[in-house]
Amino acid sequence: MRYLFLLALGFPLLAQCQKGSAPPAGFRAVRDLDYVGSGDPRQKLDLYLPQAGSEKPHPLVVYVHGGGWEAGSKDEANVLTGLIQGGTPYAGASLNYRLTQQAPWPAQIHDCKAAIRWLRAHAQEYHLDADKIAVFGISAGGHLVSMLGVTAGVKELEGDLGKHLDQSSRVSCVLDFCGPSDFLTFGGKGSIIDPNDPHGALARLIGGPLKDRQEEARKASPVTYITPDDAPFLLIHGNKDNLVPYAQATEFATALKAAHVPATLLTGTDGGHVFLSGPLVERMNDFIARHLLGKDVQIPEGAVPSR
């Protein structure tokens, strides 16, 4: 069961892509940038920078990998490089964060926020637009980017990592692909994952089974922190997801909208846990262009093909 959870939280989509480290055509890669200064490989990121010159700094799309918070790597960035290529002006970043066998929550969000602060502090060096940062994550990564979207300035989640504590960890927009949003409502809604499994990925994240760690689960849930000034969200979820229940997306979308946070839910028709289709990618591109480039493009909410 644990293997299925790890396989699903971030890997099915990546399995459709050949894993590789080469940057996309027209980009150069700058690898293993230490965003904390610790020398820890789990606290490093890769940049994908357009080779063509531009007078304007490049908006940035940051990818946070999945893997049940205990697997995965910044090297699995094919889905990111697919989004930023094709004549767009975006730069890309793919980051590692500490996994749960190394440190429990909130180490993972502390790392992600330190990475955003580092990117903002080094924006001029790499010709990045520090005011235009989108974050995109799949499953466990979707959970982390959602936390980035709703917790700007939440002191206990900012951490004290790195040399750039004067920089903001706020992001411009969030693409959450089938990420958990409320661990307290996770169980009993069609998932084969038992949140009370003492050996499961969630228990490793929050320090024990859900029934014994209710407050920790609440503090690790994005829905807990929603405020009206949060970043706009694009939520993507399959309605046949048997790992992270579809209800996680519908409940999160409802809560965001109730707080007047812009939120668009795309439902993968007959989609399982992570899927890919041309219409979905098109709407993802439109969402990024709307919030990073200011393009007047609408992203219709509702069903998208899952294949």
Protein backbone atom coordinates (compact mmCIF):
# COMPACT_ATOMS: atom_id res chain seq x y z
CA MET A 1 0.00 0.00 0.00
CA ARG A 2 2.75 2.44 0.91
CA TYR A 3 4.46 1.70 -2.41
CA LEU A 4 1.24 2.55 -4.28
CA PHE A 5 0.97 5.82 -2.38
CA LEU A 6 4.54 6.79 -3.21
CA LEU A 7 4.13 5.75 -6.83
CA ALA A 8 0.99 7.79 -7.14
CA LEU A 9 1.97 10.98 -5.33
CA GLY A 10 3.76 12.55 -8.22
CA PHE A 11 5.05 9.77 -10.40
CA PRO A 12 2.37 8.62 -12.93
CA LEU A 13 2.63 11.77 -15.02
CA LEU A 14 6.40 11.67 -14.82
CA ALA A 15 6.36 8.06 -15.91
CA GLN A 16 4.85 9.24 -19.20
CA CYS A 17 7.97 11.38 -19.76
CA GLN A 18 11.47 10.13 -20.19
CA LYS A 19 13.44 11.14 -17.15
CA GLY A 20 16.41 13.22 -18.11
CA SER A 21 18.51 16.13 -17.04
CA ALA A 22 18.90 17.97 -20.36
CA PRO A 23 17.28 21.42 -20.48
CA PRO A 24 14.68 22.03 -23.19
CA ALA A 25 15.77 23.52 -26.50
CA GLY A 26 16.59 27.19 -26.14
CA PHE A 27 17.34 26.96 -22.42
CA ARG A 28 20.43 26.51 -20.30
CA ALA A 29 20.43 24.77 -16.94
CA VAL A 30 22.14 26.09 -13.80
CA ARG A 31 22.18 23.20 -11.36
CA ASP A 32 22.49 22.51 -7.66
CA LEU A 33 22.10 26.05 -6.40
CA ASP A 34 22.21 25.91 -2.61
CA TYR A 35 19.26 28.01 -1.45
CA VAL A 36 20.00 27.53 2.26
CA GLY A 37 23.80 27.41 2.28
CA SER A 38 23.86 24.11 4.17
CA GLY A 39 25.48 21.92 1.52
CA ASP A 40 22.52 19.53 1.86
CA PRO A 41 21.54 18.19 -1.60
CA ARG A 42 17.91 18.22 -0.45
CA GLN A 43 18.14 22.01 -0.14
CA LYS A 44 19.25 22.76 -3.67
CA LEU A 45 17.43 23.83 -6.82
CA ASP A 46 17.97 23.88 -10.59
CA LEU A 47 17.25 26.85 -12.84
CA TYR A 48 16.21 26.64 -16.50
CA LEU A 49 16.99 29.96 -18.16
CA PRO A 50 16.07 31.10 -21.69
CA GLN A 51 19.19 31.52 -23.80
CA ALA A 52 17.68 34.21 -25.99
CA GLY A 53 18.31 37.69 -24.68
CA SER A 54 15.46 39.83 -23.39
CA GLU A 55 15.37 43.35 -22.03
CA LYS A 56 12.65 42.41 -19.55
CA PRO A 57 13.34 40.01 -16.67
CA HIS A 58 11.77 36.58 -17.10
CA PRO A 59 8.69 35.57 -15.07
CA LEU A 60 9.42 32.36 -13.19
CA VAL A 61 7.56 29.05 -12.90
CA VAL A 62 8.72 27.01 -9.89
CA TYR A 63 8.08 23.27 -9.79
CA VAL A 64 7.78 21.28 -6.53
CA HIS A 65 7.95 17.51 -7.05
CA GLY A 66 5.66 14.86 -5.59
CA GLY A 67 6.51 11.56 -3.93
CA GLY A 68 4.54 11.32 -0.70
CA TRP A 69 6.94 13.76 1.02
CA GLU A 70 9.44 10.90 1.22
CA ALA A 71 10.58 10.40 -2.37
CA GLY A 72 11.12 12.33 -5.57
CA SER A 73 13.70 14.77 -6.89
CA LYS A 74 14.16 18.10 -8.62
CA ASP A 75 15.66 16.09 -11.49
CA GLU A 76 12.16 14.90 -12.45
CA ALA A 77 11.37 18.23 -14.06
CA ASN A 78 10.09 17.16 -17.49
CA VAL A 79 6.61 18.46 -16.73
CA LEU A 80 8.08 21.86 -15.82
CA THR A 81 10.29 22.11 -18.89
CA GLY A 82 7.29 21.18 -21.03
CA LEU A 83 5.41 24.18 -19.66
CA ILE A 84 8.14 26.79 -20.06
CA GLN A 85 9.28 25.97 -23.59
CA GLY A 86 7.50 26.83 -26.81
CA GLY A 87 8.34 30.47 -27.27
CA THR A 88 7.23 31.66 -23.84
CA PRO A 89 9.35 34.16 -21.90
CA TYR A 90 9.34 32.11 -18.70
CA ALA A 91 12.29 30.82 -16.72
CA GLY A 92 11.86 27.66 -14.65
CA ALA A 93 13.09 26.37 -11.30
CA SER A 94 12.84 22.87 -9.86
CA LEU A 95 13.63 22.40 -6.20
CA ASN A 96 14.46 19.68 -3.73
CA TYR A 97 13.20 19.81 -0.16
CA ARG A 98 13.93 17.67 2.87
CA LEU A 99 12.00 14.41 2.90
CA THR A 100 10.24 13.01 5.94
CA GLN A 101 12.88 10.39 6.69
CA GLN A 102 15.23 13.33 7.25
CA ALA A 103 12.88 15.78 8.98
CA PRO A 104 9.12 15.91 9.72
CA TRP A 105 6.73 18.75 9.05
CA PRO A 106 7.14 21.74 8.86
CA ALA A 107 10.66 21.22 7.42
CA GLN A 108 9.22 20.73 3.93
CA ILE A 109 7.45 24.11 3.78
CA HIS A 110 10.37 25.84 5.50
CA ASP A 111 12.56 24.63 2.63
CA CYS A 112 10.10 25.70 -0.07
CA LYS A 113 9.81 29.16 1.43
CA ALA A 114 13.59 29.47 1.74
CA ALA A 115 13.86 28.57 -1.95
CA ILE A 116 11.35 31.28 -2.95
CA ARG A 117 13.24 33.85 -0.84
CA TRP A 118 16.54 32.80 -2.45
CA LEU A 119 15.09 33.09 -5.95
CA ARG A 120 13.74 36.54 -5.18
CA ALA A 121 17.07 37.66 -3.70
CA HIS A 122 18.98 36.41 -6.76
CA ALA A 123 16.46 37.62 -9.35
CA GLN A 124 18.71 40.32 -10.77
CA GLU A 125 21.65 37.91 -11.10
CA TYR A 126 19.59 35.47 -13.19
CA HIS A 127 17.41 38.05 -14.97
CA LEU A 128 14.23 36.94 -13.22
CA ASP A 129 11.14 38.97 -12.42
CA ALA A 130 10.89 38.80 -8.63
CA ASP A 131 7.28 39.99 -8.73
CA LYS A 132 6.04 37.26 -11.05
CA ILE A 133 6.50 33.80 -9.56
CA ALA A 134 4.09 30.94 -10.26
CA VAL A 135 4.36 27.69 -8.28
CA PHE A 136 3.26 24.32 -9.64
CA GLY A 137 3.21 21.01 -7.80
CA ILE A 138 1.86 17.51 -8.24
CA SER A 139 0.17 15.71 -5.32
CA ALA A 140 2.56 16.03 -2.36
CA GLY A 141 4.08 18.88 -4.36
CA GLY A 142 0.56 20.23 -4.90
CA HIS A 143 0.10 20.29 -1.13
CA LEU A 144 3.33 22.26 -0.72
CA VAL A 145 2.59 24.83 -3.42
CA SER A 146 -0.88 25.29 -1.93
CA MET A 147 0.78 26.03 1.40
CA LEU A 148 2.99 28.59 -0.34
CA GLY A 149 -0.12 30.19 -1.79
CA VAL A 150 -1.99 30.60 1.51
CA THR A 151 0.72 31.18 4.13
CA ALA A 152 2.71 34.23 3.06
CA GLY A 153 3.81 35.90 6.28
CA VAL A 154 2.66 33.08 8.60
CA LYS A 155 5.61 33.24 10.98
CA GLU A 156 5.69 29.63 12.20
CA LEU A 157 5.77 28.37 8.61
CA GLU A 158 8.33 30.84 7.26
CA GLY A 159 11.21 29.25 9.17
CA ASP A 160 14.60 30.87 9.57
CA LEU A 161 16.60 29.14 6.84
CA GLY A 162 19.03 30.87 4.53
CA LYS A 163 20.48 34.35 4.31
CA HIS A 164 17.49 36.12 2.81
CA LEU A 165 14.95 36.42 5.60
CA ASP A 166 14.31 39.99 4.46
CA GLN A 167 12.74 38.64 1.26
CA SER A 168 9.09 37.65 0.89
CA SER A 169 7.97 34.08 0.23
CA ARG A 170 4.74 35.30 -1.40
CA VAL A 171 3.92 33.86 -4.84
CA SER A 172 1.85 35.23 -7.72
CA CYS A 173 -0.30 32.18 -8.45
CA VAL A 174 -0.61 28.48 -7.67
CA LEU A 175 -1.19 25.42 -9.84
CA ASP A 176 -2.18 22.59 -7.49
CA PHE A 177 -2.39 19.25 -9.30
CA CYS A 178 -4.32 16.76 -7.08
CA GLY A 179 -2.70 17.86 -3.83
CA PRO A 180 -4.18 17.17 -0.38
CA SER A 181 -5.74 20.28 1.14
CA ASP A 182 -7.33 19.16 4.42
CA PHE A 183 -5.94 16.14 6.21
CA LEU A 184 -8.77 16.23 8.76
CA THR A 185 -11.31 15.38 6.04
CA PHE A 186 -9.07 13.09 4.01
CA GLY A 187 -10.40 9.72 5.18
CA GLY A 188 -13.56 7.91 4.15
CA LYS A 189 -14.08 9.59 0.80
CA GLY A 190 -12.98 7.00 -1.70
CA SER A 191 -9.25 6.84 -1.01
CA ILE A 192 -7.44 3.54 -0.59
CA ILE A 193 -5.06 5.38 1.72
CA ASP A 194 -5.66 4.91 5.45
CA PRO A 195 -4.70 8.19 7.18
CA ASN A 196 -4.43 6.29 10.45
CA ASP A 197 -1.80 3.88 9.14
CA PRO A 198 1.10 4.44 11.57
CA HIS A 199 3.57 3.53 8.82
CA GLY A 200 1.96 5.57 6.04
CA ALA A 201 3.28 8.66 4.33
CA LEU A 202 0.92 11.00 6.18
CA ALA A 203 1.97 9.60 9.56
CA ARG A 204 5.59 10.16 8.60
CA LEU A 205 4.78 13.75 7.70
CA ILE A 206 2.86 14.75 10.83
CA GLY A 207 4.55 12.43 13.33
CA GLY A 208 1.94 9.72 13.78
CA PRO A 209 -1.53 8.45 12.77
CA LEU A 210 -4.12 11.10 12.04
CA LYS A 211 -6.30 10.07 14.99
CA ASP A 212 -3.44 10.89 17.36
CA ARG A 213 -2.16 14.00 15.56
CA GLN A 214 -5.23 16.09 14.85
CA GLU A 215 -3.70 19.46 15.66
CA GLU A 216 -0.56 18.68 13.68
CA ALA A 217 -2.75 17.63 10.73
CA ARG A 218 -4.71 20.88 10.97
CA LYS A 219 -1.51 22.93 10.97
CA ALA A 220 -0.24 21.03 7.91
CA SER A 221 -3.47 21.59 5.92
CA PRO A 222 -3.65 24.48 3.42
CA VAL A 223 -7.36 25.04 4.10
CA THR A 224 -6.47 26.18 7.63
CA TYR A 225 -4.70 29.34 6.44
CA ILE A 226 -6.99 30.78 3.76
CA THR A 227 -7.29 34.59 3.81
CA PRO A 228 -8.67 37.00 1.18
CA ASP A 229 -5.20 38.16 0.09
CA ASP A 230 -4.03 34.70 -0.96
CA ALA A 231 -2.66 33.97 -4.43
CA PRO A 232 -5.05 32.88 -7.22
CA PHE A 233 -5.41 29.11 -7.56
CA LEU A 234 -5.82 26.67 -10.41
CA LEU A 235 -6.93 23.34 -8.91
CA ILE A 236 -6.63 20.22 -11.07
CA HIS A 237 -8.07 16.91 -9.89
CA GLY A 238 -9.45 13.70 -11.36
CA ASN A 239 -12.95 12.75 -10.28
CA LYS A 240 -11.92 9.09 -10.03
CA ASP A 241 -8.80 9.71 -7.94
CA ASN A 242 -8.61 6.82 -5.46
CA LEU A 243 -5.57 8.17 -3.60
CA VAL A 244 -6.16 11.84 -2.87
CA PRO A 245 -9.98 12.07 -2.89
CA TYR A 246 -11.62 14.40 -5.40
CA ALA A 247 -13.48 15.93 -2.45
CA GLN A 248 -10.18 17.49 -1.36
CA ALA A 249 -10.31 19.70 -4.45
CA THR A 250 -14.01 20.56 -4.29
CA GLU A 251 -13.86 21.42 -0.58
CA PHE A 252 -10.73 23.52 -1.09
CA ALA A 253 -12.22 25.37 -4.05
CA THR A 254 -15.35 26.14 -2.03
CA ALA A 255 -13.31 27.45 0.91
CA LEU A 256 -11.11 29.63 -1.34
CA LYS A 257 -14.10 31.13 -3.10
CA ALA A 258 -15.87 31.78 0.21
CA ALA A 259 -12.85 33.90 1.18
CA HIS A 260 -12.99 35.67 -2.21
CA VAL A 261 -9.73 34.10 -3.37
CA PRO A 262 -9.77 33.56 -7.16
CA ALA A 263 -9.98 29.79 -7.66
CA THR A 264 -10.67 27.69 -10.75
CA LEU A 265 -11.28 23.95 -10.49
CA LEU A 266 -10.54 21.72 -13.47
CA THR A 267 -12.03 18.25 -13.13
CA GLY A 268 -10.42 15.42 -15.05
CA THR A 269 -13.29 13.38 -16.51
CA ASP A 270 -12.80 9.79 -15.30
CA GLY A 271 -9.32 10.92 -14.26
CA GLY A 272 -7.31 9.00 -11.71
CA HIS A 273 -4.47 10.32 -9.61
CA VAL A 274 -2.57 12.58 -12.03
CA PHE A 275 -3.42 12.65 -15.74
CA LEU A 276 -2.48 14.66 -18.78
CA SER A 277 -4.34 15.93 -21.85
CA GLY A 278 -3.91 18.65 -24.42
CA PRO A 279 -6.88 20.74 -23.22
CA LEU A 280 -5.56 20.60 -19.65
CA VAL A 281 -2.11 21.81 -20.66
CA GLU A 282 -3.70 24.61 -22.68
CA ARG A 283 -5.65 25.85 -19.65
CA MET A 284 -2.56 25.60 -17.45
CA ASN A 285 -0.65 27.74 -19.95
CA ASP A 286 -3.52 30.24 -20.06
CA PHE A 287 -3.60 30.46 -16.25
CA ILE A 288 0.13 31.17 -16.07
CA ALA A 289 -0.10 33.74 -18.87
CA ARG A 290 -2.98 35.51 -17.14
CA HIS A 291 -1.16 35.89 -13.83
CA LEU A 292 2.47 36.28 -14.95
CA LEU A 293 2.02 38.14 -18.23
CA GLY A 294 -1.23 39.98 -17.57
CA LYS A 295 -2.95 38.48 -20.60
CA ASP A 296 -6.70 38.92 -20.75
CA VAL A 297 -7.53 35.25 -21.11
CA GLN A 298 -10.31 33.33 -19.41
CA ILE A 299 -9.84 29.85 -17.94
CA PRO A 300 -13.18 28.04 -18.07
CA GLU A 301 -13.92 26.03 -14.95
CA GLY A 302 -15.26 22.49 -15.24
CA ALA A 303 -14.44 19.25 -16.97
CA VAL A 304 -11.30 18.56 -18.97
CA PRO A 305 -10.38 15.28 -20.71
CA SER A 306 -8.09 13.10 -18.64
CA ARG A 307 -6.35 11.59 -21.67
